[in-house]
Amino acid sequence: LTNQAHYTDVVTVDAYMRTEFPGMSHNTVYRNLKEFEEVGIVEQNTEQERTRVKYQCDFHHQHHHHFICQNCGKVIEL
């Protein structure tokens, strides 16, 4: 695994999940993302009223910070 990753807009995750599972509701997607955040599976970032998530891949250092490129969204963990 690399320490460079991208956050993905929750809207994009929602659209993908609903394409793969057409009967899935928006509430189900958002509720599961919230639960994944609570147990440390995903990280959430809200900026300019856009919520984004990324898979948490550093389980040894769950509390950490990021540099996030404002142009491309690339994330570098500190």
PDB file of N, CA and C in Angstrom:
ATOM      1  N   LEU A   1       0.835  -1.192   0.000  1.00  0.00           N
ATOM      2  CA  LEU A   1       0.000   0.000   0.000  1.00  0.00           C
ATOM      3  C   LEU A   1       0.870   1.242   0.000  1.00  0.00           C
ATOM      4  N   THR A   2       0.404   2.265  -0.605  1.00  0.00           N
ATOM      5  CA  THR A   2       1.147   3.509  -0.688  1.00  0.00           C
ATOM      6  C   THR A   2       0.579   4.526   0.274  1.00  0.00           C
ATOM      7  N   ASN A   3       1.361   5.524   0.619  1.00  0.00           N
ATOM      8  CA  ASN A   3       0.850   6.566   1.497  1.00  0.00           C
ATOM      9  C   ASN A   3       0.202   7.694   0.708  1.00  0.00           C
ATOM     10  N   GLN A   4       0.089   7.544  -0.607  1.00  0.00           N
ATOM     11  CA  GLN A   4      -0.575   8.539  -1.419  1.00  0.00           C
ATOM     12  C   GLN A   4      -1.914   7.970  -1.888  1.00  0.00           C
ATOM     13  N   ALA A   5      -2.966   8.726  -1.693  1.00  0.00           N
ATOM     14  CA  ALA A   5      -4.297   8.271  -2.068  1.00  0.00           C
ATOM     15  C   ALA A   5      -5.139   9.485  -2.392  1.00  0.00           C
ATOM     16  N   HIS A   6      -6.304   9.239  -2.879  1.00  0.00           N
ATOM     17  CA  HIS A   6      -7.227  10.316  -3.205  1.00  0.00           C
ATOM     18  C   HIS A   6      -8.513  10.143  -2.413  1.00  0.00           C
ATOM     19  N   TYR A   7      -9.077  11.263  -2.022  1.00  0.00           N
ATOM     20  CA  TYR A   7     -10.423  11.240  -1.480  1.00  0.00           C
ATOM     21  C   TYR A   7     -11.384  11.177  -2.660  1.00  0.00           C
ATOM     22  N   THR A   8     -12.512  10.526  -2.458  1.00  0.00           N
ATOM     23  CA  THR A   8     -13.545  10.415  -3.482  1.00  0.00           C
ATOM     24  C   THR A   8     -14.804  11.081  -2.955  1.00  0.00           C
ATOM     25  N   ASP A   9     -15.444  11.873  -3.811  1.00  0.00           N
ATOM     26  CA  ASP A   9     -16.699  12.512  -3.408  1.00  0.00           C
ATOM     27  C   ASP A   9     -17.712  11.449  -3.020  1.00  0.00           C
ATOM     28  N   VAL A  10     -18.434  11.708  -1.941  1.00  0.00           N
ATOM     29  CA  VAL A  10     -19.471  10.779  -1.492  1.00  0.00           C
ATOM     30  C   VAL A  10     -20.530  10.613  -2.579  1.00  0.00           C
ATOM     31  N   VAL A  11     -20.787  11.667  -3.338  1.00  0.00           N
ATOM     32  CA  VAL A  11     -21.763  11.588  -4.429  1.00  0.00           C
ATOM     33  C   VAL A  11     -21.308  10.555  -5.466  1.00  0.00           C
ATOM     34  N   THR A  12     -20.004  10.500  -5.727  1.00  0.00           N
ATOM     35  CA  THR A  12     -19.459   9.530  -6.676  1.00  0.00           C
ATOM     36  C   THR A  12     -19.593   8.112  -6.134  1.00  0.00           C
ATOM     37  N   VAL A  13     -19.295   7.930  -4.846  1.00  0.00           N
ATOM     38  CA  VAL A  13     -19.463   6.613  -4.217  1.00  0.00           C
ATOM     39  C   VAL A  13     -20.925   6.196  -4.293  1.00  0.00           C
ATOM     40  N   ASP A  14     -21.824   7.121  -3.979  1.00  0.00           N
ATOM     41  CA  ASP A  14     -23.258   6.838  -4.014  1.00  0.00           C
ATOM     42  C   ASP A  14     -23.687   6.412  -5.416  1.00  0.00           C
ATOM     43  N   ALA A  15     -23.267   7.164  -6.432  1.00  0.00           N
ATOM     44  CA  ALA A  15     -23.650   6.846  -7.809  1.00  0.00           C
ATOM     45  C   ALA A  15     -23.120   5.474  -8.227  1.00  0.00           C
ATOM     46  N   TYR A  16     -21.876   5.179  -7.864  1.00  0.00           N
ATOM     47  CA  TYR A  16     -21.298   3.880  -8.208  1.00  0.00           C
ATOM     48  C   TYR A  16     -22.059   2.736  -7.530  1.00  0.00           C
ATOM     49  N   MET A  17     -22.296   2.873  -6.233  1.00  0.00           N
ATOM     50  CA  MET A  17     -22.985   1.813  -5.497  1.00  0.00           C
ATOM     51  C   MET A  17     -24.390   1.596  -6.044  1.00  0.00           C
ATOM     52  N   ARG A  18     -25.068   2.659  -6.410  1.00  0.00           N
ATOM     53  CA  ARG A  18     -26.434   2.525  -6.925  1.00  0.00           C
ATOM     54  C   ARG A  18     -26.446   1.972  -8.343  1.00  0.00           C
ATOM     55  N   THR A  19     -25.335   2.101  -9.081  1.00  0.00           N
ATOM     56  CA  THR A  19     -25.214   1.453 -10.388  1.00  0.00           C
ATOM     57  C   THR A  19     -25.009  -0.046 -10.205  1.00  0.00           C
ATOM     58  N   GLU A  20     -24.150  -0.411  -9.253  1.00  0.00           N
ATOM     59  CA  GLU A  20     -23.871  -1.821  -8.989  1.00  0.00           C
ATOM     60  C   GLU A  20     -25.048  -2.525  -8.311  1.00  0.00           C
ATOM     61  N   PHE A  21     -25.767  -1.795  -7.474  1.00  0.00           N
ATOM     62  CA  PHE A  21     -26.897  -2.341  -6.702  1.00  0.00           C
ATOM     63  C   PHE A  21     -28.088  -1.390  -6.864  1.00  0.00           C
ATOM     64  N   PRO A  22     -28.805  -1.500  -7.988  1.00  0.00           N
ATOM     65  CA  PRO A  22     -29.861  -0.531  -8.315  1.00  0.00           C
ATOM     66  C   PRO A  22     -30.933  -0.339  -7.244  1.00  0.00           C
ATOM     67  N   GLY A  23     -31.201  -1.322  -6.423  1.00  0.00           N
ATOM     68  CA  GLY A  23     -32.226  -1.186  -5.401  1.00  0.00           C
ATOM     69  C   GLY A  23     -31.754  -0.486  -4.139  1.00  0.00           C
ATOM     70  N   MET A  24     -30.480  -0.169  -4.073  1.00  0.00           N
ATOM     71  CA  MET A  24     -29.917   0.450  -2.868  1.00  0.00           C
ATOM     72  C   MET A  24     -30.341   1.912  -2.780  1.00  0.00           C
ATOM     73  N   SER A  25     -30.706   2.338  -1.591  1.00  0.00           N
ATOM     74  CA  SER A  25     -31.124   3.731  -1.406  1.00  0.00           C
ATOM     75  C   SER A  25     -29.930   4.622  -1.085  1.00  0.00           C
ATOM     76  N   HIS A  26     -30.128   5.928  -1.300  1.00  0.00           N
ATOM     77  CA  HIS A  26     -29.103   6.907  -0.916  1.00  0.00           C
ATOM     78  C   HIS A  26     -28.814   6.786   0.577  1.00  0.00           C
ATOM     79  N   ASN A  27     -29.858   6.638   1.374  1.00  0.00           N
ATOM     80  CA  ASN A  27     -29.694   6.548   2.829  1.00  0.00           C
ATOM     81  C   ASN A  27     -28.795   5.384   3.225  1.00  0.00           C
ATOM     82  N   THR A  28     -28.952   4.249   2.545  1.00  0.00           N
ATOM     83  CA  THR A  28     -28.122   3.084   2.853  1.00  0.00           C
ATOM     84  C   THR A  28     -26.651   3.384   2.595  1.00  0.00           C
ATOM     85  N   VAL A  29     -26.356   4.001   1.465  1.00  0.00           N
ATOM     86  CA  VAL A  29     -24.967   4.336   1.124  1.00  0.00           C
ATOM     87  C   VAL A  29     -24.387   5.283   2.170  1.00  0.00           C
ATOM     88  N   TYR A  30     -25.086   6.368   2.455  1.00  0.00           N
ATOM     89  CA  TYR A  30     -24.573   7.375   3.390  1.00  0.00           C
ATOM     90  C   TYR A  30     -24.472   6.817   4.809  1.00  0.00           C
ATOM     91  N   ARG A  31     -25.446   6.016   5.215  1.00  0.00           N
ATOM     92  CA  ARG A  31     -25.410   5.419   6.548  1.00  0.00           C
ATOM     93  C   ARG A  31     -24.211   4.485   6.696  1.00  0.00           C
ATOM     94  N   ASN A  32     -23.961   3.674   5.684  1.00  0.00           N
ATOM     95  CA  ASN A  32     -22.819   2.760   5.746  1.00  0.00           C
ATOM     96  C   ASN A  32     -21.494   3.501   5.720  1.00  0.00           C
ATOM     97  N   LEU A  33     -21.379   4.556   4.936  1.00  0.00           N
ATOM     98  CA  LEU A  33     -20.146   5.345   4.947  1.00  0.00           C
ATOM     99  C   LEU A  33     -19.913   5.959   6.325  1.00  0.00           C
ATOM    100  N   LYS A  34     -20.982   6.427   6.960  1.00  0.00           N
ATOM    101  CA  LYS A  34     -20.866   6.987   8.306  1.00  0.00           C
ATOM    102  C   LYS A  34     -20.399   5.921   9.297  1.00  0.00           C
ATOM    103  N   GLU A  35     -20.985   4.736   9.200  1.00  0.00           N
ATOM    104  CA  GLU A  35     -20.577   3.639  10.087  1.00  0.00           C
ATOM    105  C   GLU A  35     -19.139   3.212   9.806  1.00  0.00           C
ATOM    106  N   PHE A  36     -18.732   3.191   8.543  1.00  0.00           N
ATOM    107  CA  PHE A  36     -17.347   2.855   8.202  1.00  0.00           C
ATOM    108  C   PHE A  36     -16.387   3.875   8.791  1.00  0.00           C
ATOM    109  N   GLU A  37     -16.788   5.140   8.790  1.00  0.00           N
ATOM    110  CA  GLU A  37     -15.950   6.171   9.400  1.00  0.00           C
ATOM    111  C   GLU A  37     -15.848   5.950  10.912  1.00  0.00           C
ATOM    112  N   GLU A  38     -16.957   5.644  11.543  1.00  0.00           N
ATOM    113  CA  GLU A  38     -16.972   5.454  12.997  1.00  0.00           C
ATOM    114  C   GLU A  38     -16.077   4.303  13.445  1.00  0.00           C
ATOM    115  N   VAL A  39     -15.964   3.249  12.630  1.00  0.00           N
ATOM    116  CA  VAL A  39     -15.114   2.120  13.011  1.00  0.00           C
ATOM    117  C   VAL A  39     -13.706   2.227  12.420  1.00  0.00           C
ATOM    118  N   GLY A  40     -13.426   3.310  11.688  1.00  0.00           N
ATOM    119  CA  GLY A  40     -12.075   3.557  11.201  1.00  0.00           C
ATOM    120  C   GLY A  40     -11.726   2.913   9.878  1.00  0.00           C
ATOM    121  N   ILE A  41     -12.712   2.501   9.101  1.00  0.00           N
ATOM    122  CA  ILE A  41     -12.437   1.891   7.795  1.00  0.00           C
ATOM    123  C   ILE A  41     -12.210   2.961   6.732  1.00  0.00           C
ATOM    124  N   VAL A  42     -12.937   4.065   6.821  1.00  0.00           N
ATOM    125  CA  VAL A  42     -12.736   5.176   5.887  1.00  0.00           C
ATOM    126  C   VAL A  42     -12.468   6.447   6.674  1.00  0.00           C
ATOM    127  N   GLU A  43     -11.806   7.381   6.007  1.00  0.00           N
ATOM    128  CA  GLU A  43     -11.610   8.720   6.549  1.00  0.00           C
ATOM    129  C   GLU A  43     -12.529   9.651   5.787  1.00  0.00           C
ATOM    130  N   GLN A  44     -13.047  10.652   6.459  1.00  0.00           N
ATOM    131  CA  GLN A  44     -13.952  11.602   5.830  1.00  0.00           C
ATOM    132  C   GLN A  44     -13.346  12.991   5.890  1.00  0.00           C
ATOM    133  N   ASN A  45     -13.556  13.754   4.827  1.00  0.00           N
ATOM    134  CA  ASN A  45     -13.064  15.125   4.733  1.00  0.00           C
ATOM    135  C   ASN A  45     -14.160  15.957   4.097  1.00  0.00           C
ATOM    136  N   THR A  46     -14.520  17.068   4.722  1.00  0.00           N
ATOM    137  CA  THR A  46     -15.523  17.964   4.149  1.00  0.00           C
ATOM    138  C   THR A  46     -14.854  19.300   3.851  1.00  0.00           C
ATOM    139  N   GLU A  47     -14.989  19.729   2.618  1.00  0.00           N
ATOM    140  CA  GLU A  47     -14.384  20.982   2.189  1.00  0.00           C
ATOM    141  C   GLU A  47     -15.304  21.630   1.169  1.00  0.00           C
ATOM    142  N   GLN A  48     -15.570  22.894   1.343  1.00  0.00           N
ATOM    143  CA  GLN A  48     -16.458  23.647   0.448  1.00  0.00           C
ATOM    144  C   GLN A  48     -17.779  22.921   0.245  1.00  0.00           C
ATOM    145  N   GLU A  49     -18.337  22.438   1.351  1.00  0.00           N
ATOM    146  CA  GLU A  49     -19.625  21.755   1.383  1.00  0.00           C
ATOM    147  C   GLU A  49     -19.651  20.461   0.577  1.00  0.00           C
ATOM    148  N   ARG A  50     -18.483  19.914   0.250  1.00  0.00           N
ATOM    149  CA  ARG A  50     -18.396  18.627  -0.433  1.00  0.00           C
ATOM    150  C   ARG A  50     -17.759  17.628   0.522  1.00  0.00           C
ATOM    151  N   THR A  51     -18.458  16.537   0.761  1.00  0.00           N
ATOM    152  CA  THR A  51     -17.935  15.498   1.637  1.00  0.00           C
ATOM    153  C   THR A  51     -17.247  14.453   0.778  1.00  0.00           C
ATOM    154  N   ARG A  52     -16.040  14.098   1.195  1.00  0.00           N
ATOM    155  CA  ARG A  52     -15.256  13.104   0.472  1.00  0.00           C
ATOM    156  C   ARG A  52     -14.759  12.060   1.465  1.00  0.00           C
ATOM    157  N   VAL A  53     -14.522  10.867   0.961  1.00  0.00           N
ATOM    158  CA  VAL A  53     -14.026   9.776   1.804  1.00  0.00           C
ATOM    159  C   VAL A  53     -12.859   9.092   1.107  1.00  0.00           C
ATOM    160  N   LYS A  54     -12.039   8.429   1.916  1.00  0.00           N
ATOM    161  CA  LYS A  54     -11.006   7.553   1.364  1.00  0.00           C
ATOM    162  C   LYS A  54     -10.819   6.385   2.314  1.00  0.00           C
ATOM    163  N   TYR A  55     -10.387   5.285   1.755  1.00  0.00           N
ATOM    164  CA  TYR A  55     -10.137   4.084   2.533  1.00  0.00           C
ATOM    165  C   TYR A  55      -9.006   4.351   3.514  1.00  0.00           C
ATOM    166  N   GLN A  56      -9.209   3.978   4.762  1.00  0.00           N
ATOM    167  CA  GLN A  56      -8.183   4.113   5.800  1.00  0.00           C
ATOM    168  C   GLN A  56      -7.252   2.926   5.676  1.00  0.00           C
ATOM    169  N   CYS A  57      -5.999   3.178   5.279  1.00  0.00           N
ATOM    170  CA  CYS A  57      -5.081   2.060   5.061  1.00  0.00           C
ATOM    171  C   CYS A  57      -3.948   2.015   6.083  1.00  0.00           C
ATOM    172  N   ASP A  58      -3.931   2.935   7.027  1.00  0.00           N
ATOM    173  CA  ASP A  58      -2.869   2.938   8.035  1.00  0.00           C
ATOM    174  C   ASP A  58      -3.497   2.668   9.394  1.00  0.00           C
ATOM    175  N   PHE A  59      -3.711   1.408   9.712  1.00  0.00           N
ATOM    176  CA  PHE A  59      -4.396   1.051  10.941  1.00  0.00           C
ATOM    177  C   PHE A  59      -3.505   1.146  12.168  1.00  0.00           C
ATOM    178  N   HIS A  60      -2.192   1.330  11.974  1.00  0.00           N
ATOM    179  CA  HIS A  60      -1.270   1.477  13.100  1.00  0.00           C
ATOM    180  C   HIS A  60      -1.210   2.916  13.602  1.00  0.00           C
ATOM    181  N   HIS A  61      -1.564   3.869  12.741  1.00  0.00           N
ATOM    182  CA  HIS A  61      -1.538   5.293  13.094  1.00  0.00           C
ATOM    183  C   HIS A  61      -2.843   5.928  12.635  1.00  0.00           C
ATOM    184  N   GLN A  62      -3.938   5.589  13.311  1.00  0.00           N
ATOM    185  CA  GLN A  62      -5.234   6.060  12.837  1.00  0.00           C
ATOM    186  C   GLN A  62      -5.399   7.568  12.945  1.00  0.00           C
ATOM    187  N   HIS A  63      -4.807   8.198  13.949  1.00  0.00           N
ATOM    188  CA  HIS A  63      -4.895   9.652  14.034  1.00  0.00           C
ATOM    189  C   HIS A  63      -3.687  10.242  13.318  1.00  0.00           C
ATOM    190  N   HIS A  64      -3.916  10.879  12.185  1.00  0.00           N
ATOM    191  CA  HIS A  64      -2.836  11.499  11.444  1.00  0.00           C
ATOM    192  C   HIS A  64      -3.420  12.621  10.597  1.00  0.00           C
ATOM    193  N   HIS A  65      -2.550  13.366   9.945  1.00  0.00           N
ATOM    194  CA  HIS A  65      -2.961  14.518   9.152  1.00  0.00           C
ATOM    195  C   HIS A  65      -2.535  14.322   7.709  1.00  0.00           C
ATOM    196  N   HIS A  66      -3.085  15.165   6.826  1.00  0.00           N
ATOM    197  CA  HIS A  66      -2.816  15.058   5.400  1.00  0.00           C
ATOM    198  C   HIS A  66      -2.512  16.423   4.796  1.00  0.00           C
ATOM    199  N   PHE A  67      -1.720  16.404   3.740  1.00  0.00           N
ATOM    200  CA  PHE A  67      -1.671  17.504   2.790  1.00  0.00           C
ATOM    201  C   PHE A  67      -2.610  17.082   1.675  1.00  0.00           C
ATOM    202  N   ILE A  68      -3.538  17.964   1.277  1.00  0.00           N
ATOM    203  CA  ILE A  68      -4.484  17.641   0.215  1.00  0.00           C
ATOM    204  C   ILE A  68      -4.350  18.705  -0.871  1.00  0.00           C
ATOM    205  N   CYS A  69      -3.989  18.264  -2.086  1.00  0.00           N
ATOM    206  CA  CYS A  69      -3.829  19.192  -3.199  1.00  0.00           C
ATOM    207  C   CYS A  69      -5.196  19.776  -3.568  1.00  0.00           C
ATOM    208  N   GLN A  70      -5.270  21.084  -3.630  1.00  0.00           N
ATOM    209  CA  GLN A  70      -6.527  21.760  -3.955  1.00  0.00           C
ATOM    210  C   GLN A  70      -6.873  21.633  -5.442  1.00  0.00           C
ATOM    211  N   ASN A  71      -5.882  21.290  -6.281  1.00  0.00           N
ATOM    212  CA  ASN A  71      -6.133  21.174  -7.726  1.00  0.00           C
ATOM    213  C   ASN A  71      -6.549  19.773  -8.141  1.00  0.00           C
ATOM    214  N   CYS A  72      -5.788  18.767  -7.717  1.00  0.00           N
ATOM    215  CA  CYS A  72      -6.066  17.404  -8.210  1.00  0.00           C
ATOM    216  C   CYS A  72      -6.658  16.491  -7.151  1.00  0.00           C
ATOM    217  N   GLY A  73      -6.647  16.882  -5.877  1.00  0.00           N
ATOM    218  CA  GLY A  73      -7.210  16.059  -4.814  1.00  0.00           C
ATOM    219  C   GLY A  73      -6.261  15.018  -4.268  1.00  0.00           C
ATOM    220  N   LYS A  74      -5.026  14.985  -4.754  1.00  0.00           N
ATOM    221  CA  LYS A  74      -4.046  14.014  -4.269  1.00  0.00           C
ATOM    222  C   LYS A  74      -3.814  14.241  -2.787  1.00  0.00           C
ATOM    223  N   VAL A  75      -3.677  13.146  -2.042  1.00  0.00           N
ATOM    224  CA  VAL A  75      -3.506  13.197  -0.597  1.00  0.00           C
ATOM    225  C   VAL A  75      -2.148  12.608  -0.234  1.00  0.00           C
ATOM    226  N   ILE A  76      -1.400  13.321   0.603  1.00  0.00           N
ATOM    227  CA  ILE A  76      -0.146  12.799   1.138  1.00  0.00           C
ATOM    228  C   ILE A  76      -0.299  12.786   2.638  1.00  0.00           C
ATOM    229  N   GLU A  77      -0.206  11.588   3.227  1.00  0.00           N
ATOM    230  CA  GLU A  77      -0.340  11.452   4.665  1.00  0.00           C
ATOM    231  C   GLU A  77       0.942  11.873   5.352  1.00  0.00           C
ATOM    232  N   LEU A  78       0.792  12.523   6.499  1.00  0.00           N
ATOM    233  CA  LEU A  78       1.957  12.930   7.282  1.00  0.00           C
ATOM    234  C   LEU A  78       2.263  11.887   8.323  1.00  0.00           C
TER     235      LEU A  78
END
